[in-house]
Amino acid sequence: MPQTMDRPTTLSPQEVADALGMSRRTIYRWINDRDLDTTQPSGKAKSRHRIFERQLAEKIGEEDAAEVFNAYANDEA
C-alpha cells in the first residue's frame, strides 16, 4: 500500500525559521517590514501569523518554499 504525505496548508513563523535555519526574529522582521505577507486567523488568535507556501515563495522562491513545506509533511501510513 503506498504511503501518502500530507503537507500542511500553513506554517507558523517558528516552523519557517526552523526549516530555514534562521531565527524566529528574522522571520518576524520580514513580516514587520512587509517583506513577507501572512494570514492572521480571526477570533482569539489574531496575533498569530500563519504563512502559506505561496506567501513564502514570494520571499524565498518556489523551490525553497516547497522544501520548507515538505519538511513538515507527515506520514499517514
Protein backbone atom coordinates (compact mmCIF):
# COMPACT_ATOMS: atom_id res chain seq x y z
CA MET A 1 0.00 0.00 0.00
CA PRO A 2 1.52 3.36 -1.00
CA GLN A 3 2.27 5.90 1.69
CA THR A 4 0.77 9.35 1.38
CA MET A 5 2.34 12.56 2.57
CA ASP A 6 0.15 15.33 3.93
CA ARG A 7 1.67 18.77 3.63
CA PRO A 8 0.46 21.48 5.97
CA THR A 9 -1.59 24.31 4.49
CA THR A 10 0.18 26.95 6.56
CA LEU A 11 3.17 27.17 8.86
CA SER A 12 3.97 29.36 11.83
CA PRO A 13 6.89 31.81 11.76
CA GLN A 14 8.74 29.48 14.16
CA GLU A 15 8.29 26.50 11.83
CA VAL A 16 9.54 28.54 8.86
CA ALA A 17 12.53 29.76 10.87
CA ASP A 18 13.41 26.22 11.99
CA ALA A 19 13.19 24.83 8.45
CA LEU A 20 15.35 27.64 7.05
CA GLY A 21 17.88 27.52 9.89
CA MET A 22 17.11 31.13 10.82
CA SER A 23 15.96 32.84 13.96
CA ARG A 24 12.28 33.49 14.55
CA ARG A 25 13.23 37.13 14.94
CA THR A 26 14.37 37.25 11.31
CA ILE A 27 11.01 35.90 10.13
CA TYR A 28 9.14 38.45 12.26
CA ARG A 29 11.37 41.18 10.85
CA TRP A 30 10.31 40.13 7.35
CA ILE A 31 6.68 40.26 8.49
CA ASN A 32 7.02 43.65 10.20
CA ASP A 33 8.88 45.11 7.22
CA ARG A 34 6.12 43.72 4.97
CA ASP A 35 8.65 41.63 3.06
CA LEU A 36 6.62 38.53 3.94
CA ASP A 37 2.83 38.52 3.83
CA THR A 38 0.99 36.39 6.35
CA THR A 39 -2.52 35.38 7.22
CA GLN A 40 -3.95 36.09 10.64
CA PRO A 41 -6.89 33.96 11.73
CA SER A 42 -9.88 35.75 13.17
CA GLY A 43 -11.00 35.26 16.73
CA LYS A 44 -8.80 34.87 19.78
CA ALA A 45 -5.64 34.10 17.82
CA LYS A 46 -5.47 37.42 15.97
CA SER A 47 -1.83 37.96 16.87
CA ARG A 48 -0.76 34.59 15.44
CA HIS A 49 0.69 34.73 11.96
CA ARG A 50 0.29 31.81 9.55
CA ILE A 51 2.27 31.59 6.34
CA PHE A 52 1.01 29.94 3.14
CA GLU A 53 3.50 28.36 0.76
CA ARG A 54 2.75 30.92 -1.95
CA GLN A 55 3.46 33.75 0.51
CA LEU A 56 6.81 32.25 1.44
CA ALA A 57 7.60 31.57 -2.23
CA GLU A 58 7.28 35.29 -2.96
CA LYS A 59 10.09 35.92 -0.48
CA ILE A 60 12.48 32.98 -0.97
CA GLY A 61 11.45 31.34 -4.25
CA GLU A 62 9.16 28.45 -5.14
CA GLU A 63 11.67 25.62 -4.80
CA ASP A 64 12.91 26.71 -1.38
CA ALA A 65 9.37 27.29 -0.14
CA ALA A 66 8.37 23.81 -1.32
CA GLU A 67 11.30 22.33 0.60
CA VAL A 68 10.20 24.12 3.78
CA PHE A 69 6.66 22.78 3.49
CA ASN A 70 7.88 19.30 2.54
CA ALA A 71 9.94 19.26 5.74
CA TYR A 72 6.67 19.37 7.68
CA ALA A 73 4.86 16.68 5.68
CA ASN A 74 3.50 13.89 7.90
CA ASP A 75 3.39 10.21 7.04
CA GLU A 76 -0.17 8.97 7.31
CA ALA A 77 0.69 5.30 6.87
